[in-house]
């Protein structure tokens, strides 16, 4: 490993397509191809196509393909020796960049293209309106993937309706509120102010899906348009998933960039990167207000880059829901009461949440910022599932003082795996206190059911729900129920039930 093989980003491209008609509507790989072409143009090097030896595609959710990397290669007219398609996870763009940086440092890769795209807006609207899209035929079998592709919830959690992000992230948020000792009103004000910063940045970003700036009051006030989805989150606090967006990056070794005469004002260096998983299932976490994996990844990334948090000039912390950014900020030692803007794009709630590929856009935005101010450092984090899979990277226009080398980071996952959470009681009974909870609402904004994680008197953890009770649901949204005691009855072919 030498400084001739420093991993750099030499090209970045993004596409946001707001077209409302379905005639010639681009499918996701069309959008990805456009982003790659934009990245090649951004690199100022027409030789990229001939020298690309690696192509990695982020998992696409809005359409299925027989062979995504193979099909994209054919569309681009390139013949990379390495073709890879990731599993599901918002961590995968940064994880893939870290992976290819390792290969570049070892001399195994000279030029790598990474890309991802979603056309969920097109596909959803076409389905709703009965319009037949003439997109490529899906394969009979899903294509092979790389990375950890396990499902994010176990059967016990699924039984208690905790298997989608809108159901699980409010559990973290309510635990954070209780830990900070905030009233419901003060907590709503905090969330609204926090996200208003994101909305302002999105409003100034021409690639954002939503470019209308929302005030803190608008974000936090419950209306017919801005209903509660999973308490305490309003609709404007949730990610926008129905978007048509794509992004692509071109990675190279400094050696190859010099060989191809790629201008140095295109170069952005990776200074550090790390990856790790928390305890896989939410049931197994130590608590719901911290992330040992984010802390370990942040420490490792900063240490590898040789910088302190105080030297980071800007952040993009994964923002699927506010709790993710707050836990990320806590892990970095940032002041929660005085947080800086934690996004360079506008975040998933306003810029857009293109499936697993959001962080590719954040990296592309960071590249633009660092070309203008190459002395700065940017810290970007990405996560998958329920604060489960984590990756981070530090970028700068400065040349690193040492070669890229992550061999000293191998023990991170082993340390996290040795941290044991609470023992789980599948069929609990007796007195228990609420550890965290949420109330889910239907599409009309009416409270529908509660999800509870509780602690039994013996210290074991369990999941539960409640009877459908509008009065109880209303109380759970007015009063602090974290720490409240109730009685658990074990479920029979269904969820455990809790009464207060």
Protein backbone atom coordinates (compact mmCIF):
# COMPACT_ATOMS: atom_id res chain seq x y z
CA UNK A 1 0.00 0.00 0.00
CA UNK A 2 1.53 3.29 -1.08
CA UNK A 3 0.44 6.87 -1.45
CA UNK A 4 0.28 6.19 -5.18
CA UNK A 5 -2.81 4.14 -4.39
CA UNK A 6 -4.74 6.61 -2.29
CA UNK A 7 -8.48 6.21 -2.96
CA UNK A 8 -10.07 9.33 -4.39
CA UNK A 9 -13.40 10.35 -5.85
CA UNK A 10 -12.90 11.98 -9.24
CA UNK A 11 -16.48 12.18 -10.46
CA UNK A 12 -19.96 12.59 -9.01
CA UNK A 13 -23.32 12.78 -10.75
CA UNK A 14 -26.91 13.16 -9.57
CA UNK A 15 -30.29 13.08 -11.28
CA UNK A 16 -33.69 14.15 -9.94
CA UNK A 17 -36.58 13.60 -12.34
CA UNK A 18 -39.86 15.39 -11.56
CA UNK A 19 -41.59 14.44 -14.83
CA UNK A 20 -45.29 13.82 -14.21
CA UNK A 21 -46.19 11.90 -17.38
CA UNK A 22 -45.45 8.22 -17.91
CA UNK A 23 -44.55 8.45 -21.60
CA UNK A 24 -40.93 7.30 -21.87
CA UNK A 25 -40.65 7.36 -18.08
CA UNK A 26 -37.11 6.22 -17.23
CA UNK A 27 -36.78 3.05 -15.18
CA UNK A 28 -34.24 3.00 -12.33
CA UNK A 29 -31.31 1.75 -14.43
CA UNK A 30 -32.04 4.50 -16.97
CA UNK A 31 -31.68 7.00 -14.15
CA UNK A 32 -28.53 5.26 -12.90
CA UNK A 33 -26.99 5.38 -16.39
CA UNK A 34 -27.72 9.11 -16.59
CA UNK A 35 -26.05 9.65 -13.21
CA UNK A 36 -22.98 7.67 -14.30
CA UNK A 37 -22.71 9.71 -17.50
CA UNK A 38 -22.96 12.89 -15.42
CA UNK A 39 -20.21 11.58 -13.11
CA UNK A 40 -17.96 10.79 -16.08
CA UNK A 41 -18.51 14.27 -17.46
CA UNK A 42 -17.81 15.68 -13.99
CA UNK A 43 -14.45 13.86 -13.93
CA UNK A 44 -13.32 15.70 -17.10
CA UNK A 45 -11.99 12.36 -18.37
CA UNK A 46 -13.46 10.56 -21.39
CA UNK A 47 -11.22 7.53 -20.82
CA UNK A 48 -13.11 6.38 -17.70
CA UNK A 49 -15.30 3.94 -19.64
CA UNK A 50 -12.32 2.07 -21.13
CA UNK A 51 -10.50 1.80 -17.83
CA UNK A 52 -13.38 0.96 -15.46
CA UNK A 53 -12.61 -2.44 -13.92
CA UNK A 54 -15.28 -2.47 -11.18
CA UNK A 55 -18.99 -1.63 -11.13
CA UNK A 56 -21.09 -1.71 -7.97
CA UNK A 57 -24.86 -1.13 -7.91
CA UNK A 58 -26.89 -0.30 -4.80
CA UNK A 59 -29.94 -2.53 -4.26
CA UNK A 60 -32.98 -1.21 -6.15
CA UNK A 61 -36.43 -1.50 -4.55
CA UNK A 62 -38.71 0.17 -7.11
CA UNK A 63 -38.09 -2.35 -9.91
CA UNK A 64 -36.59 -5.82 -10.23
CA UNK A 65 -33.96 -6.79 -12.79
CA UNK A 66 -32.38 -10.04 -13.89
CA UNK A 67 -28.82 -8.71 -13.61
CA UNK A 68 -28.61 -5.04 -12.55
CA UNK A 69 -24.81 -4.55 -12.85
CA UNK A 70 -24.63 -6.56 -16.07
CA UNK A 71 -27.51 -4.64 -17.62
CA UNK A 72 -26.09 -1.27 -16.57
CA UNK A 73 -22.67 -2.22 -17.97
CA UNK A 74 -24.27 -2.98 -21.33
CA UNK A 75 -26.18 0.31 -21.26
CA UNK A 76 -22.96 2.21 -20.58
CA UNK A 77 -20.83 0.26 -23.03
CA UNK A 78 -18.29 -0.78 -20.39
CA UNK A 79 -16.77 -4.16 -19.55
CA UNK A 80 -15.66 -4.19 -15.90
CA UNK A 81 -14.18 -7.42 -14.59
CA UNK A 82 -15.94 -7.03 -11.23
CA UNK A 83 -19.74 -6.65 -11.17
CA UNK A 84 -21.46 -6.38 -7.77
CA UNK A 85 -24.99 -5.74 -6.50
CA UNK A 86 -25.52 -4.97 -2.83
CA UNK A 87 -28.11 -6.29 -0.45
CA UNK A 88 -30.67 -4.04 1.22
CA UNK A 89 -29.49 -1.26 3.51
CA UNK A 90 -29.06 2.50 3.63
CA UNK A 91 -25.51 1.84 4.80
CA UNK A 92 -24.51 0.28 1.47
CA UNK A 93 -23.35 3.36 -0.50
CA UNK A 94 -20.70 4.25 2.11
CA UNK A 95 -20.00 0.57 2.76
CA UNK A 96 -19.34 0.06 -0.96
CA UNK A 97 -17.09 3.12 -1.13
CA UNK A 98 -15.09 1.77 1.82
CA UNK A 99 -14.93 -1.65 0.17
CA UNK A 100 -13.59 -0.26 -3.10
CA UNK A 101 -11.18 2.03 -1.27
CA UNK A 102 -9.66 -1.11 0.27
CA UNK A 103 -9.28 -2.66 -3.18
CA UNK A 104 -7.75 0.50 -4.60
CA UNK A 105 -5.20 0.62 -1.78
CA UNK A 106 -4.23 -3.00 -2.48
CA UNK A 107 -3.85 -2.38 -6.21
CA UNK A 108 -6.82 -4.61 -7.07
CA UNK A 109 -8.92 -1.78 -8.53
CA UNK A 110 -7.94 1.18 -10.67
CA UNK A 111 -11.31 2.70 -11.54
CA UNK A 112 -14.60 1.81 -9.83
CA UNK A 113 -18.03 3.14 -10.64
CA UNK A 114 -20.73 2.97 -7.96
CA UNK A 115 -24.32 3.89 -8.71
CA UNK A 116 -27.84 3.61 -7.42
CA UNK A 117 -31.29 4.79 -8.38
CA UNK A 118 -34.98 4.61 -7.57
CA UNK A 119 -38.07 5.45 -9.63
CA UNK A 120 -40.58 4.83 -6.86
CA UNK A 121 -42.63 7.88 -7.80
CA UNK A 122 -43.08 6.63 -11.35
CA UNK A 123 -43.77 3.02 -10.34
CA UNK A 124 -46.17 3.92 -7.51
CA UNK A 125 -48.19 6.40 -9.54
CA UNK A 126 -48.34 4.06 -12.55
CA UNK A 127 -49.65 1.25 -10.34
CA UNK A 128 -52.20 3.54 -8.71
CA UNK A 129 -53.40 4.88 -12.06
CA UNK A 130 -53.30 1.54 -13.88
CA UNK A 131 -50.69 2.64 -16.40
CA UNK A 132 -48.62 -0.26 -17.84
CA UNK A 133 -44.94 0.71 -17.74
CA UNK A 134 -42.83 -0.76 -20.54
CA UNK A 135 -39.82 -1.36 -18.32
CA UNK A 136 -37.42 -4.37 -18.56
CA UNK A 137 -38.86 -7.75 -17.61
CA UNK A 138 -37.84 -8.85 -14.12
CA UNK A 139 -35.94 -12.09 -13.69
CA UNK A 140 -37.41 -15.26 -12.25
CA UNK A 141 -34.89 -15.23 -9.40
CA UNK A 142 -33.40 -12.29 -7.50
CA UNK A 143 -29.82 -11.53 -8.53
CA UNK A 144 -26.98 -12.47 -6.16
CA UNK A 145 -25.98 -9.79 -3.67
CA UNK A 146 -23.01 -8.82 -1.52
CA UNK A 147 -23.15 -7.62 2.07
CA UNK A 148 -25.28 -8.67 5.04
CA UNK A 149 -28.75 -9.26 3.62
CA UNK A 150 -30.57 -10.56 6.71
CA UNK A 151 -34.07 -9.28 7.40
CA UNK A 152 -34.19 -6.60 10.06
CA UNK A 153 -36.80 -8.10 12.42
CA UNK A 154 -37.34 -11.48 14.03
CA UNK A 155 -40.65 -13.35 14.37
CA UNK A 156 -41.25 -12.04 17.89
CA UNK A 157 -40.93 -8.44 16.74
CA UNK A 158 -43.08 -9.06 13.66
CA UNK A 159 -45.82 -10.51 15.88
CA UNK A 160 -45.89 -7.15 17.69
CA UNK A 161 -46.00 -5.10 14.46
CA UNK A 162 -42.39 -3.92 14.71
CA UNK A 163 -40.94 -4.64 11.29
CA UNK A 164 -41.01 -1.40 9.27
CA UNK A 165 -39.06 1.83 9.86
CA UNK A 166 -42.21 3.87 10.54
CA UNK A 167 -43.06 1.47 13.39
CA UNK A 168 -39.61 1.08 14.93
CA UNK A 169 -37.90 4.51 14.79
CA UNK A 170 -40.57 6.18 16.98
CA UNK A 171 -39.55 3.69 19.69
CA UNK A 172 -36.06 5.19 19.70
CA UNK A 173 -37.46 8.71 19.64
CA UNK A 174 -39.72 8.27 22.67
CA UNK A 175 -36.88 6.67 24.62
CA UNK A 176 -34.67 9.66 23.77
CA UNK A 177 -37.36 12.08 24.96
CA UNK A 178 -37.68 10.29 28.28
CA UNK A 179 -33.91 10.15 28.75
CA UNK A 180 -33.69 13.91 28.24
CA UNK A 181 -36.63 14.56 30.54
CA UNK A 182 -38.51 16.64 27.99
CA UNK A 183 -42.22 17.27 28.11
CA UNK A 184 -44.28 16.26 25.08
CA UNK A 185 -44.52 19.91 24.05
CA UNK A 186 -40.81 20.67 24.45
CA UNK A 187 -39.92 17.49 22.59
CA UNK A 188 -42.17 18.38 19.66
CA UNK A 189 -40.59 21.84 19.56
CA UNK A 190 -37.11 20.29 19.51
CA UNK A 191 -37.96 17.94 16.66
CA UNK A 192 -39.56 20.74 14.67
CA UNK A 193 -36.60 23.11 15.07
CA UNK A 194 -34.17 20.31 14.28
CA UNK A 195 -35.90 19.38 11.04
CA UNK A 196 -36.52 22.97 9.97
CA UNK A 197 -32.74 23.22 9.46
CA UNK A 198 -32.94 20.26 7.08
CA UNK A 199 -35.87 21.77 5.19
CA UNK A 200 -34.00 25.06 4.72
CA UNK A 201 -31.03 23.25 3.16
CA UNK A 202 -33.31 21.21 0.88
CA UNK A 203 -35.07 24.41 -0.25
CA UNK A 204 -31.70 25.72 -1.47
CA UNK A 205 -30.81 22.46 -3.25
CA UNK A 206 -32.05 22.30 -6.86
CA UNK A 207 -31.86 18.48 -6.76
CA UNK A 208 -34.12 18.14 -3.69
CA UNK A 209 -37.47 16.45 -4.18
CA UNK A 210 -39.18 19.04 -1.95
CA UNK A 211 -37.83 22.54 -2.44
CA UNK A 212 -40.48 24.36 -0.42
CA UNK A 213 -39.02 25.39 2.91
CA UNK A 214 -41.13 24.31 5.86
CA UNK A 215 -41.08 26.24 9.12
CA UNK A 216 -40.69 24.56 12.49
CA UNK A 217 -44.34 25.34 13.21
CA UNK A 218 -45.47 23.71 9.97
CA UNK A 219 -43.38 20.60 10.61
CA UNK A 220 -44.67 20.16 14.15
CA UNK A 221 -48.32 21.16 13.83
CA UNK A 222 -50.70 18.25 13.23
CA UNK A 223 -53.05 18.93 10.32
CA UNK A 224 -54.96 16.87 7.79
CA UNK A 225 -51.96 17.19 5.44
CA UNK A 226 -49.43 16.63 8.24
CA UNK A 227 -50.98 13.76 10.19
CA UNK A 228 -49.24 11.74 12.89
CA UNK A 229 -47.89 8.48 11.46
CA UNK A 230 -46.02 6.87 14.36
CA UNK A 231 -46.14 8.99 17.51
CA UNK A 232 -44.45 11.46 17.90
CA UNK A 233 -43.58 11.79 14.21
CA UNK A 234 -45.75 13.85 11.89
CA UNK A 235 -45.73 13.12 8.17
CA UNK A 236 -43.26 15.96 7.59
CA UNK A 237 -40.83 14.20 9.96
CA UNK A 238 -40.89 11.01 7.88
CA UNK A 239 -38.73 10.33 4.80
CA UNK A 240 -40.05 10.96 1.29
CA UNK A 241 -39.72 7.57 -0.40
CA UNK A 242 -41.67 8.12 -3.63
CA UNK A 243 -38.94 9.86 -5.60
CA UNK A 244 -37.17 9.47 -8.94
CA UNK A 245 -33.53 10.02 -8.07
CA UNK A 246 -30.14 8.56 -8.90
CA UNK A 247 -26.51 9.20 -8.02
CA UNK A 248 -23.16 7.82 -9.09
CA UNK A 249 -19.53 8.16 -8.06
CA UNK A 250 -16.27 7.39 -9.80
CA UNK A 251 -13.49 6.17 -7.53
CA UNK A 252 -9.88 5.88 -8.63
CA UNK A 253 -6.42 5.40 -7.28
CA UNK A 254 -4.23 8.48 -7.39
CA UNK A 255 -1.92 6.44 -9.60
CA UNK A 256 -4.67 5.78 -12.16
CA UNK A 257 -5.97 9.35 -11.96
CA UNK A 258 -2.52 10.65 -12.83
CA UNK A 259 -2.20 8.11 -15.66
CA UNK A 260 -5.53 9.28 -17.14
CA UNK A 261 -4.66 12.94 -16.56
CA UNK A 262 -7.76 13.56 -14.46
CA UNK A 263 -7.43 17.18 -13.25
CA UNK A 264 -6.44 17.45 -9.60
CA UNK A 265 -9.21 19.93 -8.93
CA UNK A 266 -11.55 16.93 -9.38
CA UNK A 267 -9.87 14.89 -6.65
CA UNK A 268 -11.50 14.37 -3.25
CA UNK A 269 -9.69 12.05 -0.85
CA UNK A 270 -11.05 9.47 1.55
CA UNK A 271 -9.29 9.92 4.87
CA UNK A 272 -11.07 7.32 6.97
CA UNK A 273 -13.86 4.78 6.85
CA UNK A 274 -15.33 2.05 9.04
CA UNK A 275 -18.29 -0.34 9.16
CA UNK A 276 -20.01 -2.30 11.93
CA UNK A 277 -23.39 -3.69 13.02
CA UNK A 278 -25.24 -3.21 16.27
CA UNK A 279 -26.96 -6.21 17.84
CA UNK A 280 -29.00 -7.31 14.87
CA UNK A 281 -32.49 -7.31 16.33
CA UNK A 282 -33.99 -4.35 18.20
CA UNK A 283 -35.01 -6.72 21.01
CA UNK A 284 -31.33 -7.40 21.71
CA UNK A 285 -30.13 -3.80 22.10
CA UNK A 286 -28.54 -2.60 25.30
CA UNK A 287 -30.89 0.38 25.28
CA UNK A 288 -32.80 2.52 22.76
CA UNK A 289 -30.94 5.80 23.15
CA UNK A 290 -27.44 4.84 22.05
CA UNK A 291 -25.57 2.82 19.45
CA UNK A 292 -22.33 1.07 20.37
CA UNK A 293 -21.72 0.43 16.67
CA UNK A 294 -22.09 4.09 15.67
CA UNK A 295 -19.73 5.06 18.49
CA UNK A 296 -17.16 2.46 17.44
CA UNK A 297 -17.44 3.37 13.75
CA UNK A 298 -17.14 7.09 14.51
CA UNK A 299 -14.09 6.57 16.74
CA UNK A 300 -12.40 4.32 14.18
CA UNK A 301 -13.13 6.66 11.27
CA UNK A 302 -11.86 9.74 13.11
CA UNK A 303 -8.78 7.89 14.35
CA UNK A 304 -7.96 6.60 10.88
CA UNK A 305 -8.31 10.10 9.44
CA UNK A 306 -6.24 11.58 12.26
CA UNK A 307 -8.77 14.30 13.07
CA UNK A 308 -10.91 15.28 16.04
CA UNK A 309 -14.63 15.98 15.95
CA UNK A 310 -13.81 19.67 16.43
CA UNK A 311 -11.98 19.60 13.09
CA UNK A 312 -14.99 18.37 11.12
CA UNK A 313 -16.44 21.22 9.07
CA UNK A 314 -19.71 19.62 8.02
CA UNK A 315 -21.77 16.49 8.57
CA UNK A 316 -24.34 14.39 6.84
CA UNK A 317 -25.72 12.00 9.44
CA UNK A 318 -28.22 9.49 8.11
CA UNK A 319 -31.61 11.14 8.55
CA UNK A 320 -34.31 8.59 7.85
CA UNK A 321 -35.91 9.76 11.12
CA UNK A 322 -34.82 12.35 13.70
CA UNK A 323 -33.85 9.69 16.25
CA UNK A 324 -31.20 8.37 13.86
CA UNK A 325 -29.51 11.76 13.59
CA UNK A 326 -29.72 12.43 17.33
CA UNK A 327 -28.21 9.07 18.26
CA UNK A 328 -25.55 9.67 15.62
CA UNK A 329 -24.83 13.13 17.03
CA UNK A 330 -24.66 11.77 20.59
CA UNK A 331 -22.18 9.13 19.44
CA UNK A 332 -19.95 11.87 18.05
CA UNK A 333 -20.13 13.88 21.26
CA UNK A 334 -22.06 16.77 19.69
CA UNK A 335 -24.17 19.08 21.84
CA UNK A 336 -27.74 17.90 21.31
CA UNK A 337 -29.14 21.22 22.51
CA UNK A 338 -27.11 23.17 19.93
CA UNK A 339 -26.77 20.90 16.94
CA UNK A 340 -25.24 22.22 13.72
CA UNK A 341 -26.99 21.39 10.44
CA UNK A 342 -26.49 17.63 10.09
CA UNK A 343 -27.10 17.37 6.36
CA UNK A 344 -25.55 18.59 3.11
CA UNK A 345 -28.55 17.60 0.96
CA UNK A 346 -31.63 18.42 3.02
CA UNK A 347 -32.08 14.92 4.42
CA UNK A 348 -34.44 12.09 3.58
CA UNK A 349 -37.54 13.98 4.73
CA UNK A 350 -37.04 16.83 2.24
CA UNK A 351 -34.25 16.07 -0.22
CA UNK A 352 -35.69 12.61 -0.72
CA UNK A 353 -35.13 9.02 0.36
CA UNK A 354 -34.29 7.05 -2.80
CA UNK A 355 -34.43 3.58 -1.26
CA UNK A 356 -31.00 2.43 -0.17
CA UNK A 357 -29.13 5.06 -2.18
CA UNK A 358 -29.57 8.30 -0.19
CA UNK A 359 -25.98 8.46 1.05
CA UNK A 360 -24.63 8.34 -2.52
CA UNK A 361 -26.28 11.74 -2.96
CA UNK A 362 -24.76 12.99 0.30
CA UNK A 363 -21.29 11.93 -0.86
CA UNK A 364 -21.84 13.66 -4.21
CA UNK A 365 -22.86 16.85 -2.41
CA UNK A 366 -19.82 16.58 -0.14
CA UNK A 367 -17.58 16.27 -3.21
CA UNK A 368 -18.98 19.56 -4.55
CA UNK A 369 -18.41 21.30 -1.22
CA UNK A 370 -14.85 20.02 -0.85
CA UNK A 371 -13.84 21.06 -4.34
CA UNK A 372 -14.78 24.62 -3.39
CA UNK A 373 -13.09 24.43 0.02
CA UNK A 374 -10.53 21.60 -0.21
CA UNK A 375 -9.08 22.33 3.22
CA UNK A 376 -12.30 21.24 4.92
CA UNK A 377 -13.28 17.83 6.32
CA UNK A 378 -16.71 16.25 5.93
CA UNK A 379 -18.05 13.38 8.05
CA UNK A 380 -20.78 11.25 6.47
CA UNK A 381 -22.63 8.38 8.11
CA UNK A 382 -25.03 5.81 6.71
CA UNK A 383 -27.19 3.14 8.31
CA UNK A 384 -29.47 0.28 7.41
CA UNK A 385 -32.57 -1.24 8.96
CA UNK A 386 -33.26 -0.01 12.50
CA UNK A 387 -30.00 1.70 13.54
CA UNK A 388 -28.54 -1.73 12.75
CA UNK A 389 -25.90 -1.58 9.99
CA UNK A 390 -23.47 1.33 10.03
CA UNK A 391 -20.83 2.83 7.77
CA UNK A 392 -19.02 6.16 7.90
CA UNK A 393 -16.46 8.05 5.88
CA UNK A 394 -14.38 11.20 6.22
CA UNK A 395 -13.65 13.18 3.06
CA UNK A 396 -11.40 16.13 2.28
CA UNK A 397 -9.65 17.92 -0.55
CA UNK A 398 -6.43 17.61 1.45
CA UNK A 399 -4.11 14.76 0.64
CA UNK A 400 -3.89 12.28 3.55
CA UNK A 401 -0.58 12.05 5.37
CA UNK A 402 -0.62 8.26 5.31
CA UNK A 403 -1.87 5.46 3.01
CA UNK A 404 -5.40 4.08 3.29
CA UNK A 405 -5.21 1.05 5.57
CA UNK A 406 -8.13 -0.43 7.52
CA UNK A 407 -6.45 -3.62 8.71
CA UNK A 408 -6.44 -2.37 12.30
CA UNK A 409 -10.23 -2.13 12.42
CA UNK A 410 -11.03 -5.85 12.33
CA UNK A 411 -11.78 -6.15 16.04
CA UNK A 412 -14.58 -3.55 16.06
CA UNK A 413 -17.37 -6.02 15.35
CA UNK A 414 -16.07 -8.56 17.87
CA UNK A 415 -16.15 -5.91 20.62
CA UNK A 416 -19.72 -4.97 19.80
CA UNK A 417 -20.84 -8.60 19.61
CA UNK A 418 -19.57 -9.10 23.17
CA UNK A 419 -21.94 -6.42 24.46
CA UNK A 420 -25.04 -8.27 25.60
CA UNK A 421 -28.45 -6.66 25.94
CA UNK A 422 -31.31 -7.80 28.12
CA UNK A 423 -32.61 -11.34 28.16
CA UNK A 424 -35.90 -11.66 26.28
CA UNK A 425 -39.10 -13.15 27.72
CA UNK A 426 -41.24 -14.45 24.85
CA UNK A 427 -44.28 -15.32 26.98
CA UNK A 428 -44.20 -12.77 29.83
CA UNK A 429 -46.68 -12.37 32.65
CA UNK A 430 -47.05 -10.06 35.63
CA UNK A 431 -45.97 -6.51 36.38
CA UNK A 432 -43.78 -4.64 33.92
CA UNK A 433 -42.69 -1.06 33.24
CA UNK A 434 -42.57 0.59 29.85
CA UNK A 435 -39.07 0.93 28.40
CA UNK A 436 -40.32 2.68 25.27
CA UNK A 437 -43.43 2.76 23.10
CA UNK A 438 -45.25 4.35 20.19
CA UNK A 439 -48.82 4.77 18.99
CA UNK A 440 -49.37 4.06 15.31
CA UNK A 441 -51.99 6.00 13.36
CA UNK A 442 -53.96 5.01 10.26
CA UNK A 443 -53.96 6.96 7.00
CA UNK A 444 -56.70 9.23 8.31
CA UNK A 445 -54.53 10.15 11.28
CA UNK A 446 -56.60 8.17 13.80
CA UNK A 447 -54.73 6.25 16.56
CA UNK A 448 -54.80 2.58 15.61
CA UNK A 449 -52.56 0.50 17.90
CA UNK A 450 -49.71 0.82 20.38
CA UNK A 451 -46.33 -0.95 20.34
CA UNK A 452 -44.60 -1.35 23.69
CA UNK A 453 -41.22 -2.62 24.83
CA UNK A 454 -41.32 -3.32 28.57
CA UNK A 455 -39.19 -4.59 31.44
CA UNK A 456 -40.52 -7.26 33.75
CA UNK A 457 -39.80 -7.26 37.48
CA UNK A 458 -37.11 -9.90 36.88
CA UNK A 459 -35.29 -7.50 34.53
CA UNK A 460 -36.12 -9.35 31.34
CA UNK A 461 -37.39 -7.47 28.31
CA UNK A 462 -40.60 -8.19 26.42
CA UNK A 463 -42.82 -6.79 23.69
CA UNK A 464 -46.51 -6.03 24.06
CA UNK A 465 -49.48 -4.24 22.60
CA UNK A 466 -52.67 -2.90 24.18
CA UNK A 467 -56.35 -3.22 23.54
CA UNK A 468 -57.68 -0.68 21.05
CA UNK A 469 -58.61 2.16 23.39
CA UNK A 470 -58.82 5.72 22.07
CA UNK A 471 -58.67 7.15 25.58
CA UNK A 472 -55.50 5.21 26.36
CA UNK A 473 -53.92 6.16 23.05
CA UNK A 474 -54.70 9.80 23.71
CA UNK A 475 -53.12 9.57 27.17
CA UNK A 476 -49.99 7.93 25.75
CA UNK A 477 -49.55 10.96 23.49
CA UNK A 478 -50.19 13.52 26.26
CA UNK A 479 -48.35 11.94 29.18
CA UNK A 480 -44.97 10.25 29.57
CA UNK A 481 -45.57 6.50 29.52
CA UNK A 482 -41.89 5.52 29.63
CA UNK A 483 -41.46 4.09 33.12
CA UNK A 484 -45.19 3.58 33.66
CA UNK A 485 -46.16 0.26 35.22
CA UNK A 486 -48.76 -2.12 33.92
CA UNK A 487 -49.67 -5.79 33.79
CA UNK A 488 -48.56 -8.10 30.98
CA UNK A 489 -50.61 -11.06 29.78
CA UNK A 490 -48.83 -13.56 27.51
CA UNK A 491 -50.17 -13.80 23.97
CA UNK A 492 -51.71 -16.97 22.56
CA UNK A 493 -51.04 -17.13 18.83
CA UNK A 494 -50.71 -13.36 18.90
CA UNK A 495 -49.03 -10.45 20.67
CA UNK A 496 -48.59 -10.11 24.42
CA UNK A 497 -51.02 -7.59 25.91
CA UNK A 498 -50.36 -4.85 28.47
CA UNK A 499 -52.95 -3.14 30.65
CA UNK A 500 -52.45 0.02 32.72
